[in-house]
Amino acid sequence: MAIKYDKLFALMEQKGIKKNHLRTHKEHRIYSRVIESMQKGGNVDMVTINKLCAILECQPGDILAYTPED
């Protein structure tokens, strides 16, 4: 997968936000299976990216990066 979410998890750590907070956020809840998919480099939709940006108060480029595949 060419999209990497390492920046997401680094930003979460920097802001002190745990994965559980993503699952239990009252306005922008993100399901466990989606979080697991991101950890494995899987695909997520733009609705999820939008929710993450709202929760983390950031831009999409702050949480994901394109890395060309070999």
PDB file of N, CA and C in Angstrom:
ATOM      1  N   MET A   1       0.841  -1.186   0.000  1.00  0.00           N
ATOM      2  CA  MET A   1       0.000   0.000   0.000  1.00  0.00           C
ATOM      3  C   MET A   1       0.877   1.238   0.000  1.00  0.00           C
ATOM      4  N   ALA A   2       0.577   2.165  -0.826  1.00  0.00           N
ATOM      5  CA  ALA A   2       1.399   3.360  -0.969  1.00  0.00           C
ATOM      6  C   ALA A   2       1.067   4.441   0.060  1.00  0.00           C
ATOM      7  N   ILE A   3      -0.103   4.382   0.670  1.00  0.00           N
ATOM      8  CA  ILE A   3      -0.460   5.360   1.701  1.00  0.00           C
ATOM      9  C   ILE A   3      -0.066   4.798   3.065  1.00  0.00           C
ATOM     10  N   LYS A   4       0.681   5.592   3.806  1.00  0.00           N
ATOM     11  CA  LYS A   4       1.146   5.192   5.143  1.00  0.00           C
ATOM     12  C   LYS A   4       0.503   6.093   6.194  1.00  0.00           C
ATOM     13  N   TYR A   5       0.195   5.513   7.339  1.00  0.00           N
ATOM     14  CA  TYR A   5      -0.465   6.242   8.426  1.00  0.00           C
ATOM     15  C   TYR A   5       0.449   6.450   9.637  1.00  0.00           C
ATOM     16  N   ASP A   6       1.752   6.297   9.433  1.00  0.00           N
ATOM     17  CA  ASP A   6       2.696   6.475  10.537  1.00  0.00           C
ATOM     18  C   ASP A   6       2.574   7.853  11.166  1.00  0.00           C
ATOM     19  N   LYS A   7       2.334   8.868  10.323  1.00  0.00           N
ATOM     20  CA  LYS A   7       2.200  10.235  10.827  1.00  0.00           C
ATOM     21  C   LYS A   7       0.977  10.366  11.745  1.00  0.00           C
ATOM     22  N   LEU A   8      -0.083   9.623  11.438  1.00  0.00           N
ATOM     23  CA  LEU A   8      -1.283   9.646  12.285  1.00  0.00           C
ATOM     24  C   LEU A   8      -0.954   9.189  13.692  1.00  0.00           C
ATOM     25  N   PHE A   9      -0.315   8.034  13.791  1.00  0.00           N
ATOM     26  CA  PHE A   9      -0.040   7.465  15.109  1.00  0.00           C
ATOM     27  C   PHE A   9       1.008   8.293  15.863  1.00  0.00           C
ATOM     28  N   ALA A  10       1.937   8.914  15.135  1.00  0.00           N
ATOM     29  CA  ALA A  10       2.909   9.799  15.783  1.00  0.00           C
ATOM     30  C   ALA A  10       2.214  11.054  16.317  1.00  0.00           C
ATOM     31  N   LEU A  11       1.279  11.615  15.549  1.00  0.00           N
ATOM     32  CA  LEU A  11       0.545  12.794  15.994  1.00  0.00           C
ATOM     33  C   LEU A  11      -0.338  12.469  17.189  1.00  0.00           C
ATOM     34  N   MET A  12      -0.965  11.303  17.153  1.00  0.00           N
ATOM     35  CA  MET A  12      -1.787  10.879  18.293  1.00  0.00           C
ATOM     36  C   MET A  12      -0.937  10.793  19.553  1.00  0.00           C
ATOM     37  N   GLU A  13       0.244  10.205  19.442  1.00  0.00           N
ATOM     38  CA  GLU A  13       1.137  10.088  20.593  1.00  0.00           C
ATOM     39  C   GLU A  13       1.566  11.471  21.084  1.00  0.00           C
ATOM     40  N   GLN A  14       1.901  12.336  20.151  1.00  0.00           N
ATOM     41  CA  GLN A  14       2.323  13.691  20.494  1.00  0.00           C
ATOM     42  C   GLN A  14       1.221  14.444  21.243  1.00  0.00           C
ATOM     43  N   LYS A  15      -0.033  14.237  20.830  1.00  0.00           N
ATOM     44  CA  LYS A  15      -1.164  14.932  21.452  1.00  0.00           C
ATOM     45  C   LYS A  15      -1.746  14.173  22.644  1.00  0.00           C
ATOM     46  N   GLY A  16      -1.199  12.990  22.923  1.00  0.00           N
ATOM     47  CA  GLY A  16      -1.684  12.204  24.048  1.00  0.00           C
ATOM     48  C   GLY A  16      -3.055  11.589  23.811  1.00  0.00           C
ATOM     49  N   ILE A  17      -3.370  11.297  22.549  1.00  0.00           N
ATOM     50  CA  ILE A  17      -4.663  10.713  22.195  1.00  0.00           C
ATOM     51  C   ILE A  17      -4.482   9.217  21.973  1.00  0.00           C
ATOM     52  N   LYS A  18      -5.247   8.434  22.699  1.00  0.00           N
ATOM     53  CA  LYS A  18      -5.194   6.970  22.593  1.00  0.00           C
ATOM     54  C   LYS A  18      -6.193   6.485  21.548  1.00  0.00           C
ATOM     55  N   LYS A  19      -5.975   5.280  21.036  1.00  0.00           N
ATOM     56  CA  LYS A  19      -6.888   4.686  20.056  1.00  0.00           C
ATOM     57  C   LYS A  19      -8.298   4.577  20.624  1.00  0.00           C
ATOM     58  N   ASN A  20      -8.396   4.329  21.911  1.00  0.00           N
ATOM     59  CA  ASN A  20      -9.709   4.222  22.547  1.00  0.00           C
ATOM     60  C   ASN A  20     -10.492   5.530  22.402  1.00  0.00           C
ATOM     61  N   HIS A  21      -9.797   6.662  22.428  1.00  0.00           N
ATOM     62  CA  HIS A  21     -10.465   7.960  22.259  1.00  0.00           C
ATOM     63  C   HIS A  21     -11.120   8.049  20.880  1.00  0.00           C
ATOM     64  N   LEU A  22     -10.480   7.493  19.858  1.00  0.00           N
ATOM     65  CA  LEU A  22     -11.059   7.491  18.515  1.00  0.00           C
ATOM     66  C   LEU A  22     -12.340   6.663  18.483  1.00  0.00           C
ATOM     67  N   ARG A  23     -12.346   5.563  19.218  1.00  0.00           N
ATOM     68  CA  ARG A  23     -13.515   4.676  19.251  1.00  0.00           C
ATOM     69  C   ARG A  23     -14.672   5.259  20.048  1.00  0.00           C
ATOM     70  N   THR A  24     -14.369   6.117  21.006  1.00  0.00           N
ATOM     71  CA  THR A  24     -15.423   6.599  21.910  1.00  0.00           C
ATOM     72  C   THR A  24     -15.738   8.079  21.759  1.00  0.00           C
ATOM     73  N   HIS A  25     -15.131   8.749  20.788  1.00  0.00           N
ATOM     74  CA  HIS A  25     -15.381  10.178  20.582  1.00  0.00           C
ATOM     75  C   HIS A  25     -16.871  10.386  20.325  1.00  0.00           C
ATOM     76  N   LYS A  26     -17.486  11.353  21.008  1.00  0.00           N
ATOM     77  CA  LYS A  26     -18.949  11.483  20.939  1.00  0.00           C
ATOM     78  C   LYS A  26     -19.462  11.970  19.585  1.00  0.00           C
ATOM     79  N   GLU A  27     -18.682  12.752  18.838  1.00  0.00           N
ATOM     80  CA  GLU A  27     -19.156  13.264  17.551  1.00  0.00           C
ATOM     81  C   GLU A  27     -18.583  12.521  16.351  1.00  0.00           C
ATOM     82  N   HIS A  28     -17.360  12.028  16.462  1.00  0.00           N
ATOM     83  CA  HIS A  28     -16.647  11.466  15.311  1.00  0.00           C
ATOM     84  C   HIS A  28     -16.112  10.071  15.619  1.00  0.00           C
ATOM     85  N   ARG A  29     -16.982   9.184  15.993  1.00  0.00           N
ATOM     86  CA  ARG A  29     -16.583   7.825  16.379  1.00  0.00           C
ATOM     87  C   ARG A  29     -15.982   7.061  15.201  1.00  0.00           C
ATOM     88  N   ILE A  30     -14.855   6.394  15.454  1.00  0.00           N
ATOM     89  CA  ILE A  30     -14.187   5.579  14.438  1.00  0.00           C
ATOM     90  C   ILE A  30     -14.145   4.142  14.948  1.00  0.00           C
ATOM     91  N   TYR A  31     -14.630   3.216  14.125  1.00  0.00           N
ATOM     92  CA  TYR A  31     -14.732   1.822  14.529  1.00  0.00           C
ATOM     93  C   TYR A  31     -13.369   1.147  14.675  1.00  0.00           C
ATOM     94  N   SER A  32     -13.301   0.183  15.563  1.00  0.00           N
ATOM     95  CA  SER A  32     -12.069  -0.562  15.837  1.00  0.00           C
ATOM     96  C   SER A  32     -11.479  -1.169  14.570  1.00  0.00           C
ATOM     97  N   ARG A  33     -12.326  -1.735  13.729  1.00  0.00           N
ATOM     98  CA  ARG A  33     -11.825  -2.400  12.510  1.00  0.00           C
ATOM     99  C   ARG A  33     -11.161  -1.404  11.563  1.00  0.00           C
ATOM    100  N   VAL A  34     -11.614  -0.145  11.576  1.00  0.00           N
ATOM    101  CA  VAL A  34     -11.002   0.884  10.734  1.00  0.00           C
ATOM    102  C   VAL A  34      -9.616   1.231  11.276  1.00  0.00           C
ATOM    103  N   ILE A  35      -9.510   1.361  12.585  1.00  0.00           N
ATOM    104  CA  ILE A  35      -8.217   1.648  13.217  1.00  0.00           C
ATOM    105  C   ILE A  35      -7.240   0.512  12.945  1.00  0.00           C
ATOM    106  N   GLU A  36      -7.705  -0.725  13.063  1.00  0.00           N
ATOM    107  CA  GLU A  36      -6.862  -1.890  12.784  1.00  0.00           C
ATOM    108  C   GLU A  36      -6.414  -1.888  11.324  1.00  0.00           C
ATOM    109  N   SER A  37      -7.308  -1.520  10.420  1.00  0.00           N
ATOM    110  CA  SER A  37      -6.968  -1.469   8.999  1.00  0.00           C
ATOM    111  C   SER A  37      -5.857  -0.448   8.751  1.00  0.00           C
ATOM    112  N   MET A  38      -5.949   0.714   9.405  1.00  0.00           N
ATOM    113  CA  MET A  38      -4.911   1.734   9.237  1.00  0.00           C
ATOM    114  C   MET A  38      -3.576   1.250   9.782  1.00  0.00           C
ATOM    115  N   GLN A  39      -3.599   0.531  10.889  1.00  0.00           N
ATOM    116  CA  GLN A  39      -2.360   0.008  11.468  1.00  0.00           C
ATOM    117  C   GLN A  39      -1.678  -0.961  10.515  1.00  0.00           C
ATOM    118  N   LYS A  40      -2.478  -1.662   9.695  1.00  0.00           N
ATOM    119  CA  LYS A  40      -1.943  -2.631   8.745  1.00  0.00           C
ATOM    120  C   LYS A  40      -1.697  -2.017   7.373  1.00  0.00           C
ATOM    121  N   GLY A  41      -1.938  -0.700   7.241  1.00  0.00           N
ATOM    122  CA  GLY A  41      -1.721  -0.024   5.963  1.00  0.00           C
ATOM    123  C   GLY A  41      -2.862  -0.192   4.987  1.00  0.00           C
ATOM    124  N   GLY A  42      -4.054  -0.529   5.494  1.00  0.00           N
ATOM    125  CA  GLY A  42      -5.209  -0.749   4.629  1.00  0.00           C
ATOM    126  C   GLY A  42      -5.854   0.544   4.176  1.00  0.00           C
ATOM    127  N   ASN A  43      -6.865   0.404   3.339  1.00  0.00           N
ATOM    128  CA  ASN A  43      -7.584   1.553   2.808  1.00  0.00           C
ATOM    129  C   ASN A  43      -8.605   2.072   3.815  1.00  0.00           C
ATOM    130  N   VAL A  44      -8.770   3.384   3.839  1.00  0.00           N
ATOM    131  CA  VAL A  44      -9.845   4.020   4.593  1.00  0.00           C
ATOM    132  C   VAL A  44     -10.500   5.046   3.686  1.00  0.00           C
ATOM    133  N   ASP A  45     -11.746   5.369   3.973  1.00  0.00           N
ATOM    134  CA  ASP A  45     -12.450   6.319   3.119  1.00  0.00           C
ATOM    135  C   ASP A  45     -12.250   7.759   3.593  1.00  0.00           C
ATOM    136  N   MET A  46     -12.709   8.689   2.777  1.00  0.00           N
ATOM    137  CA  MET A  46     -12.538  10.103   3.087  1.00  0.00           C
ATOM    138  C   MET A  46     -13.358  10.528   4.307  1.00  0.00           C
ATOM    139  N   VAL A  47     -14.442   9.849   4.588  1.00  0.00           N
ATOM    140  CA  VAL A  47     -15.229  10.151   5.792  1.00  0.00           C
ATOM    141  C   VAL A  47     -14.355   9.921   7.023  1.00  0.00           C
ATOM    142  N   THR A  48     -13.595   8.843   7.022  1.00  0.00           N
ATOM    143  CA  THR A  48     -12.704   8.545   8.143  1.00  0.00           C
ATOM    144  C   THR A  48     -11.594   9.585   8.246  1.00  0.00           C
ATOM    145  N   ILE A  49     -11.008   9.960   7.119  1.00  0.00           N
ATOM    146  CA  ILE A  49      -9.960  10.989   7.122  1.00  0.00           C
ATOM    147  C   ILE A  49     -10.525  12.288   7.688  1.00  0.00           C
ATOM    148  N   ASN A  50     -11.733  12.644   7.284  1.00  0.00           N
ATOM    149  CA  ASN A  50     -12.391  13.844   7.781  1.00  0.00           C
ATOM    150  C   ASN A  50     -12.584  13.772   9.298  1.00  0.00           C
ATOM    151  N   LYS A  51     -13.039  12.628   9.802  1.00  0.00           N
ATOM    152  CA  LYS A  51     -13.240  12.448  11.242  1.00  0.00           C
ATOM    153  C   LYS A  51     -11.922  12.581  12.000  1.00  0.00           C
ATOM    154  N   LEU A  52     -10.875  11.951  11.475  1.00  0.00           N
ATOM    155  CA  LEU A  52      -9.572  12.023  12.128  1.00  0.00           C
ATOM    156  C   LEU A  52      -9.057  13.458  12.184  1.00  0.00           C
ATOM    157  N   CYS A  53      -9.224  14.192  11.093  1.00  0.00           N
ATOM    158  CA  CYS A  53      -8.778  15.588  11.073  1.00  0.00           C
ATOM    159  C   CYS A  53      -9.570  16.431  12.071  1.00  0.00           C
ATOM    160  N   ALA A  54     -10.854  16.150  12.214  1.00  0.00           N
ATOM    161  CA  ALA A  54     -11.674  16.881  13.180  1.00  0.00           C
ATOM    162  C   ALA A  54     -11.225  16.573  14.609  1.00  0.00           C
ATOM    163  N   ILE A  55     -11.009  15.305  14.902  1.00  0.00           N
ATOM    164  CA  ILE A  55     -10.601  14.899  16.251  1.00  0.00           C
ATOM    165  C   ILE A  55      -9.228  15.470  16.598  1.00  0.00           C
ATOM    166  N   LEU A  56      -8.284  15.364  15.648  1.00  0.00           N
ATOM    167  CA  LEU A  56      -6.902  15.765  15.906  1.00  0.00           C
ATOM    168  C   LEU A  56      -6.627  17.235  15.574  1.00  0.00           C
ATOM    169  N   GLU A  57      -7.641  17.915  15.013  1.00  0.00           N
ATOM    170  CA  GLU A  57      -7.493  19.313  14.609  1.00  0.00           C
ATOM    171  C   GLU A  57      -6.261  19.490  13.722  1.00  0.00           C
ATOM    172  N   CYS A  58      -6.291  18.782  12.585  1.00  0.00           N
ATOM    173  CA  CYS A  58      -5.144  18.782  11.687  1.00  0.00           C
ATOM    174  C   CYS A  58      -5.607  18.711  10.240  1.00  0.00           C
ATOM    175  N   GLN A  59      -4.660  18.693   9.330  1.00  0.00           N
ATOM    176  CA  GLN A  59      -4.913  18.545   7.901  1.00  0.00           C
ATOM    177  C   GLN A  59      -4.582  17.109   7.482  1.00  0.00           C
ATOM    178  N   PRO A  60      -5.162  16.623   6.366  1.00  0.00           N
ATOM    179  CA  PRO A  60      -4.875  15.256   5.929  1.00  0.00           C
ATOM    180  C   PRO A  60      -3.387  14.949   5.787  1.00  0.00           C
ATOM    181  N   GLY A  61      -2.607  15.897   5.315  1.00  0.00           N
ATOM    182  CA  GLY A  61      -1.167  15.686   5.161  1.00  0.00           C
ATOM    183  C   GLY A  61      -0.443  15.500   6.478  1.00  0.00           C
ATOM    184  N   ASP A  62      -1.091  15.881   7.574  1.00  0.00           N
ATOM    185  CA  ASP A  62      -0.503  15.692   8.900  1.00  0.00           C
ATOM    186  C   ASP A  62      -0.642  14.256   9.394  1.00  0.00           C
ATOM    187  N   ILE A  63      -1.536  13.468   8.749  1.00  0.00           N
ATOM    188  CA  ILE A  63      -1.809  12.119   9.262  1.00  0.00           C
ATOM    189  C   ILE A  63      -1.534  11.001   8.271  1.00  0.00           C
ATOM    190  N   LEU A  64      -1.272  11.339   7.017  1.00  0.00           N
ATOM    191  CA  LEU A  64      -0.952  10.293   6.049  1.00  0.00           C
ATOM    192  C   LEU A  64       0.090  10.785   5.062  1.00  0.00           C
ATOM    193  N   ALA A  65       0.767   9.849   4.455  1.00  0.00           N
ATOM    194  CA  ALA A  65       1.803  10.165   3.485  1.00  0.00           C
ATOM    195  C   ALA A  65       1.801   9.145   2.362  1.00  0.00           C
ATOM    196  N   TYR A  66       2.063   9.614   1.168  1.00  0.00           N
ATOM    197  CA  TYR A  66       2.213   8.739   0.013  1.00  0.00           C
ATOM    198  C   TYR A  66       3.654   8.290  -0.085  1.00  0.00           C
ATOM    199  N   THR A  67       3.844   6.992  -0.156  1.00  0.00           N
ATOM    200  CA  THR A  67       5.172   6.427  -0.335  1.00  0.00           C
ATOM    201  C   THR A  67       5.129   5.515  -1.540  1.00  0.00           C
ATOM    202  N   PRO A  68       5.877   5.848  -2.613  1.00  0.00           N
ATOM    203  CA  PRO A  68       5.852   5.008  -3.804  1.00  0.00           C
ATOM    204  C   PRO A  68       6.245   3.561  -3.471  1.00  0.00           C
ATOM    205  N   GLU A  69       5.527   2.637  -4.082  1.00  0.00           N
ATOM    206  CA  GLU A  69       5.870   1.220  -3.891  1.00  0.00           C
ATOM    207  C   GLU A  69       7.046   0.870  -4.781  1.00  0.00           C
ATOM    208  N   ASP A  70       7.845  -0.082  -4.329  1.00  0.00           N
ATOM    209  CA  ASP A  70       9.004  -0.515  -5.110  1.00  0.00           C
ATOM    210  C   ASP A  70       8.588  -1.405  -6.246  1.00  0.00           C
TER     211      ASP A  70
END
